[in-house]
Every structure is written in C-alpha cells, then in structure tokens.
Amino acid sequence: MRKHTRVPDVALVVVDDDPAVLDHARDLFRRNVPLAVVSNHYADVVPFMLGNNGYTVALVADVDDPGQLAEAIVITERRLGPVGSVIRYAADLSAAGSGTAAPAA
C-alpha cells in the first residue's frame, strides 16, 4: 500500500547490526511514522511487510555497497519523501533525534 502523503524527513533504518536500532524501527512502525527498513536478510524485513501501514518501505539491500544504499534511498524518496537520516547503530539514534513526527491524518 502506498500513502500519497509526503513527509519532511524519513528515516532509513538498517536493522542488521544493532538490537536498539531494530527496537527503534519497530516503535516507529507501530506509531505509523514513515520510515524505510533495510536489511541484508529478507527475514529481517518481513515483519515490516506484514500488516504494512502504508508508511513503511521494506527493502533487502547490502548497505555496505554504495550503489545499493543509493538505490534504497531513491526508492524511499519516491515513495515517502526525502530521507533525512540513515540509522544503523545506537549512536545514530541520538543524532537523528526522536525519529520523525507522526504523519498528518
């Protein structure tokens, strides 16, 4: 499902490396905050595909490959709006702030 509401900042969250980041992605997903979830493993993004709220892009990509990361960003921006942060490690959470505000109804 695709929402046609674009938001000012979308987080691209890499759920491969840090349990705190995965928890953050789950929280954003639960609150319908637009985000992209990216993993090297299909099984890690499936929960974000099931029951997708229309505010989530779930992708399988190798974010260590600059081309695949760039493509993930392009896909996310086409569907949801500009990517404002890439969150991969717990340290990125404080730099990104609280995640983004919930979308307007």
N, C-alpha and C. Protein backbone atom coordinates (compact mmCIF):
# COMPACT_ATOMS: atom_id res chain seq x y z
N MET A 1 0.85 -1.16 0.00
CA MET A 1 0.00 0.00 0.00
C MET A 1 0.90 1.23 0.00
N ARG A 2 0.51 2.25 -0.71
CA ARG A 2 1.30 3.46 -0.78
C ARG A 2 0.45 4.64 -0.36
N LYS A 3 0.92 5.38 0.61
CA LYS A 3 0.25 6.61 1.00
C LYS A 3 0.77 7.72 0.09
N HIS A 4 -0.05 8.67 -0.20
CA HIS A 4 0.38 9.76 -1.07
C HIS A 4 0.77 10.98 -0.27
N THR A 5 0.98 10.80 1.01
CA THR A 5 1.40 11.89 1.87
C THR A 5 2.91 11.89 1.96
N ARG A 6 3.52 12.98 1.59
CA ARG A 6 4.98 13.08 1.71
C ARG A 6 5.29 13.81 3.01
N VAL A 7 6.34 13.39 3.65
CA VAL A 7 6.71 13.97 4.94
C VAL A 7 8.07 14.64 4.81
N PRO A 8 8.38 15.58 5.70
CA PRO A 8 9.64 16.32 5.56
C PRO A 8 10.90 15.47 5.77
N ASP A 9 10.87 14.49 6.65
CA ASP A 9 12.05 13.69 6.94
C ASP A 9 11.67 12.24 7.14
N VAL A 10 12.30 11.38 6.40
CA VAL A 10 12.08 9.94 6.53
C VAL A 10 13.38 9.33 7.01
N ALA A 11 13.29 8.46 7.99
CA ALA A 11 14.47 7.73 8.46
C ALA A 11 14.61 6.45 7.66
N LEU A 12 15.82 6.16 7.22
CA LEU A 12 16.14 4.88 6.62
C LEU A 12 16.87 4.09 7.71
N VAL A 13 16.27 3.02 8.18
CA VAL A 13 16.77 2.29 9.34
C VAL A 13 17.32 0.94 8.89
N VAL A 14 18.60 0.71 9.17
CA VAL A 14 19.27 -0.54 8.84
C VAL A 14 19.15 -1.46 10.05
N VAL A 15 18.45 -2.56 9.90
CA VAL A 15 18.14 -3.41 11.06
C VAL A 15 19.07 -4.62 11.19
N ASP A 16 20.24 -4.55 10.61
CA ASP A 16 21.17 -5.67 10.63
C ASP A 16 22.08 -5.72 11.86
N ASP A 17 22.46 -4.60 12.40
CA ASP A 17 23.63 -4.56 13.26
C ASP A 17 23.39 -4.31 14.75
N ASP A 18 22.27 -3.74 15.12
CA ASP A 18 22.12 -3.28 16.49
C ASP A 18 20.69 -3.51 16.96
N PRO A 19 20.50 -4.28 18.04
CA PRO A 19 19.15 -4.53 18.55
C PRO A 19 18.39 -3.26 18.93
N ALA A 20 19.10 -2.24 19.40
CA ALA A 20 18.44 -0.97 19.76
C ALA A 20 17.85 -0.30 18.53
N VAL A 21 18.52 -0.44 17.41
CA VAL A 21 18.02 0.15 16.16
C VAL A 21 16.79 -0.62 15.68
N LEU A 22 16.82 -1.93 15.80
CA LEU A 22 15.65 -2.73 15.44
C LEU A 22 14.46 -2.34 16.31
N ASP A 23 14.68 -2.17 17.60
CA ASP A 23 13.60 -1.73 18.50
C ASP A 23 13.06 -0.37 18.10
N HIS A 24 13.96 0.52 17.70
CA HIS A 24 13.55 1.86 17.25
C HIS A 24 12.67 1.75 15.99
N ALA A 25 13.08 0.91 15.05
CA ALA A 25 12.29 0.72 13.83
C ALA A 25 10.91 0.17 14.17
N ARG A 26 10.85 -0.79 15.07
CA ARG A 26 9.55 -1.34 15.47
C ARG A 26 8.66 -0.27 16.10
N ASP A 27 9.26 0.59 16.92
CA ASP A 27 8.50 1.66 17.56
C ASP A 27 7.95 2.63 16.52
N LEU A 28 8.79 3.05 15.57
CA LEU A 28 8.32 3.95 14.52
C LEU A 28 7.20 3.31 13.71
N PHE A 29 7.37 2.04 13.38
CA PHE A 29 6.37 1.30 12.61
C PHE A 29 5.04 1.25 13.37
N ARG A 30 5.11 0.94 14.66
CA ARG A 30 3.89 0.87 15.49
C ARG A 30 3.17 2.21 15.54
N ARG A 31 3.93 3.31 15.52
CA ARG A 31 3.34 4.65 15.61
C ARG A 31 3.00 5.25 14.25
N ASN A 32 3.13 4.46 13.18
CA ASN A 32 2.84 4.94 11.81
C ASN A 32 3.72 6.10 11.39
N VAL A 33 4.94 6.12 11.88
CA VAL A 33 5.90 7.14 11.45
C VAL A 33 6.55 6.63 10.17
N PRO A 34 6.53 7.42 9.11
CA PRO A 34 7.13 6.97 7.85
C PRO A 34 8.61 6.61 8.01
N LEU A 35 8.98 5.44 7.50
CA LEU A 35 10.37 5.00 7.56
C LEU A 35 10.63 3.97 6.49
N ALA A 36 11.91 3.80 6.20
CA ALA A 36 12.36 2.70 5.36
C ALA A 36 13.15 1.76 6.25
N VAL A 37 12.90 0.47 6.09
CA VAL A 37 13.63 -0.55 6.84
C VAL A 37 14.43 -1.34 5.82
N VAL A 38 15.73 -1.43 6.06
CA VAL A 38 16.62 -2.11 5.13
C VAL A 38 17.43 -3.15 5.88
N SER A 39 17.60 -4.31 5.25
CA SER A 39 18.42 -5.36 5.84
C SER A 39 19.09 -6.15 4.72
N ASN A 40 20.17 -6.81 5.08
CA ASN A 40 20.81 -7.76 4.16
C ASN A 40 20.01 -9.05 4.07
N HIS A 41 19.08 -9.25 5.00
CA HIS A 41 18.36 -10.51 5.11
C HIS A 41 16.86 -10.28 4.97
N TYR A 42 16.26 -11.02 4.05
CA TYR A 42 14.84 -10.91 3.80
C TYR A 42 14.01 -11.12 5.07
N ALA A 43 14.38 -12.11 5.87
CA ALA A 43 13.61 -12.44 7.07
C ALA A 43 13.52 -11.27 8.04
N ASP A 44 14.51 -10.39 8.04
CA ASP A 44 14.50 -9.25 8.96
C ASP A 44 13.50 -8.17 8.56
N VAL A 45 13.16 -8.09 7.28
CA VAL A 45 12.22 -7.05 6.84
C VAL A 45 10.79 -7.55 6.70
N VAL A 46 10.61 -8.87 6.70
CA VAL A 46 9.26 -9.44 6.54
C VAL A 46 8.28 -8.91 7.59
N PRO A 47 8.65 -8.80 8.87
CA PRO A 47 7.68 -8.28 9.84
C PRO A 47 7.18 -6.86 9.50
N PHE A 48 7.99 -6.10 8.79
CA PHE A 48 7.58 -4.74 8.41
C PHE A 48 6.73 -4.74 7.14
N MET A 49 6.75 -5.86 6.43
CA MET A 49 5.89 -6.00 5.25
C MET A 49 4.50 -6.49 5.65
N LEU A 50 4.46 -7.37 6.63
CA LEU A 50 3.19 -7.93 7.09
C LEU A 50 2.44 -6.85 7.86
N GLY A 51 1.25 -6.58 7.47
CA GLY A 51 0.48 -5.55 8.15
C GLY A 51 1.00 -4.16 7.86
N ASN A 52 1.68 -4.02 6.72
CA ASN A 52 2.28 -2.73 6.38
C ASN A 52 1.22 -1.65 6.43
N ASN A 53 1.57 -0.56 7.06
CA ASN A 53 0.65 0.53 7.32
C ASN A 53 0.63 1.58 6.21
N GLY A 54 1.39 1.36 5.14
CA GLY A 54 1.45 2.33 4.07
C GLY A 54 2.47 3.42 4.30
N TYR A 55 3.08 3.43 5.46
CA TYR A 55 4.10 4.42 5.78
C TYR A 55 5.48 3.80 5.84
N THR A 56 5.60 2.55 5.40
CA THR A 56 6.86 1.84 5.54
C THR A 56 7.30 1.26 4.21
N VAL A 57 8.57 1.47 3.89
CA VAL A 57 9.21 0.83 2.76
C VAL A 57 10.15 -0.20 3.35
N ALA A 58 10.01 -1.47 2.97
CA ALA A 58 10.87 -2.54 3.48
C ALA A 58 11.67 -3.10 2.31
N LEU A 59 13.00 -3.03 2.44
CA LEU A 59 13.88 -3.41 1.34
C LEU A 59 14.98 -4.35 1.80
N VAL A 60 15.42 -5.20 0.89
CA VAL A 60 16.60 -6.01 1.12
C VAL A 60 17.71 -5.41 0.27
N ALA A 61 18.80 -5.02 0.93
CA ALA A 61 19.93 -4.41 0.22
C ALA A 61 21.18 -4.53 1.08
N ASP A 62 22.31 -4.54 0.43
CA ASP A 62 23.59 -4.51 1.12
C ASP A 62 23.98 -3.04 1.29
N VAL A 63 23.79 -2.50 2.48
CA VAL A 63 24.04 -1.07 2.68
C VAL A 63 25.53 -0.75 2.69
N ASP A 64 26.38 -1.78 2.71
CA ASP A 64 27.82 -1.53 2.58
C ASP A 64 28.22 -1.32 1.12
N ASP A 65 27.30 -1.60 0.22
CA ASP A 65 27.51 -1.35 -1.21
C ASP A 65 26.90 0.01 -1.53
N PRO A 66 27.74 1.01 -1.87
CA PRO A 66 27.22 2.36 -2.09
C PRO A 66 26.10 2.43 -3.13
N GLY A 67 26.16 1.61 -4.15
CA GLY A 67 25.11 1.61 -5.17
C GLY A 67 23.79 1.12 -4.64
N GLN A 68 23.82 0.06 -3.84
CA GLN A 68 22.58 -0.48 -3.27
C GLN A 68 22.00 0.48 -2.24
N LEU A 69 22.85 1.10 -1.44
CA LEU A 69 22.36 2.09 -0.47
C LEU A 69 21.73 3.27 -1.20
N ALA A 70 22.37 3.74 -2.24
CA ALA A 70 21.82 4.86 -3.01
C ALA A 70 20.47 4.49 -3.61
N GLU A 71 20.34 3.28 -4.12
CA GLU A 71 19.06 2.84 -4.70
C GLU A 71 17.98 2.74 -3.64
N ALA A 72 18.34 2.27 -2.44
CA ALA A 72 17.38 2.21 -1.34
C ALA A 72 16.88 3.61 -0.99
N ILE A 73 17.78 4.57 -1.00
CA ILE A 73 17.40 5.95 -0.71
C ILE A 73 16.47 6.49 -1.80
N VAL A 74 16.80 6.23 -3.06
CA VAL A 74 15.97 6.70 -4.18
C VAL A 74 14.57 6.11 -4.09
N ILE A 75 14.47 4.80 -3.85
CA ILE A 75 13.16 4.15 -3.74
C ILE A 75 12.35 4.75 -2.60
N THR A 76 13.00 4.94 -1.46
CA THR A 76 12.33 5.53 -0.29
C THR A 76 11.83 6.92 -0.59
N GLU A 77 12.67 7.74 -1.22
CA GLU A 77 12.27 9.12 -1.50
C GLU A 77 11.14 9.19 -2.51
N ARG A 78 11.11 8.29 -3.46
CA ARG A 78 10.00 8.26 -4.43
C ARG A 78 8.68 7.92 -3.74
N ARG A 79 8.74 7.02 -2.77
CA ARG A 79 7.51 6.54 -2.12
C ARG A 79 7.06 7.40 -0.96
N LEU A 80 8.02 7.91 -0.17
CA LEU A 80 7.63 8.57 1.08
C LEU A 80 8.08 10.02 1.21
N GLY A 81 9.18 10.38 0.59
CA GLY A 81 9.72 11.73 0.74
C GLY A 81 11.21 11.67 1.05
N PRO A 82 11.81 12.81 1.27
CA PRO A 82 13.26 12.88 1.46
C PRO A 82 13.76 12.09 2.67
N VAL A 83 14.84 11.37 2.47
CA VAL A 83 15.48 10.66 3.57
C VAL A 83 16.30 11.68 4.36
N GLY A 84 15.94 11.84 5.62
CA GLY A 84 16.63 12.81 6.48
C GLY A 84 17.74 12.21 7.30
N SER A 85 17.71 10.87 7.49
CA SER A 85 18.74 10.23 8.29
C SER A 85 18.84 8.76 7.93
N VAL A 86 20.04 8.23 8.07
CA VAL A 86 20.27 6.80 7.96
C VAL A 86 20.70 6.34 9.34
N ILE A 87 19.94 5.43 9.90
CA ILE A 87 20.18 4.95 11.26
C ILE A 87 20.61 3.49 11.18
N ARG A 88 21.83 3.24 11.66
CA ARG A 88 22.35 1.88 11.62
C ARG A 88 22.83 1.40 12.98
N TYR A 89 23.33 2.31 13.79
CA TYR A 89 23.87 1.97 15.11
C TYR A 89 23.18 2.82 16.16
N ALA A 90 23.25 2.38 17.42
CA ALA A 90 22.61 3.11 18.52
C ALA A 90 23.09 4.56 18.57
N ALA A 91 24.35 4.80 18.25
CA ALA A 91 24.87 6.18 18.25
C ALA A 91 24.14 7.06 17.24
N ASP A 92 23.64 6.46 16.17
CA ASP A 92 22.89 7.22 15.17
C ASP A 92 21.53 7.68 15.69
N LEU A 93 21.00 6.99 16.68
CA LEU A 93 19.69 7.33 17.22
C LEU A 93 19.70 8.72 17.84
N SER A 94 20.73 9.02 18.62
CA SER A 94 20.78 10.35 19.25
C SER A 94 21.01 11.43 18.21
N ALA A 95 21.75 11.13 17.16
CA ALA A 95 22.00 12.13 16.11
C ALA A 95 20.73 12.39 15.31
N ALA A 96 19.87 11.37 15.17
CA ALA A 96 18.66 11.51 14.37
C ALA A 96 17.51 12.11 15.15
N GLY A 97 17.64 12.20 16.46
CA GLY A 97 16.54 12.73 17.26
C GLY A 97 15.54 11.64 17.55
N SER A 98 14.30 11.99 17.66
CA SER A 98 13.27 11.05 18.09
C SER A 98 12.70 10.21 16.97
N GLY A 99 13.17 10.39 15.78
CA GLY A 99 12.58 9.63 14.71
C GLY A 99 11.81 10.54 13.79
N THR A 100 10.85 10.84 13.47
CA THR A 100 10.19 11.97 12.85
C THR A 100 8.82 12.02 13.45
N ALA A 101 8.16 13.07 13.25
CA ALA A 101 6.81 13.19 13.78
C ALA A 101 5.87 12.25 13.03
N ALA A 102 4.80 11.91 13.67
CA ALA A 102 3.79 11.07 13.02
C ALA A 102 3.17 11.85 11.86
N PRO A 103 2.76 11.18 10.81
CA PRO A 103 2.18 11.86 9.65
C PRO A 103 0.85 12.52 9.99
N ALA A 104 0.55 13.53 9.23
CA ALA A 104 -0.75 14.19 9.40
C ALA A 104 -1.85 13.26 8.95
N ALA A 105 -2.96 13.31 9.63
CA ALA A 105 -4.08 12.44 9.28
C ALA A 105 -4.84 12.96 8.11
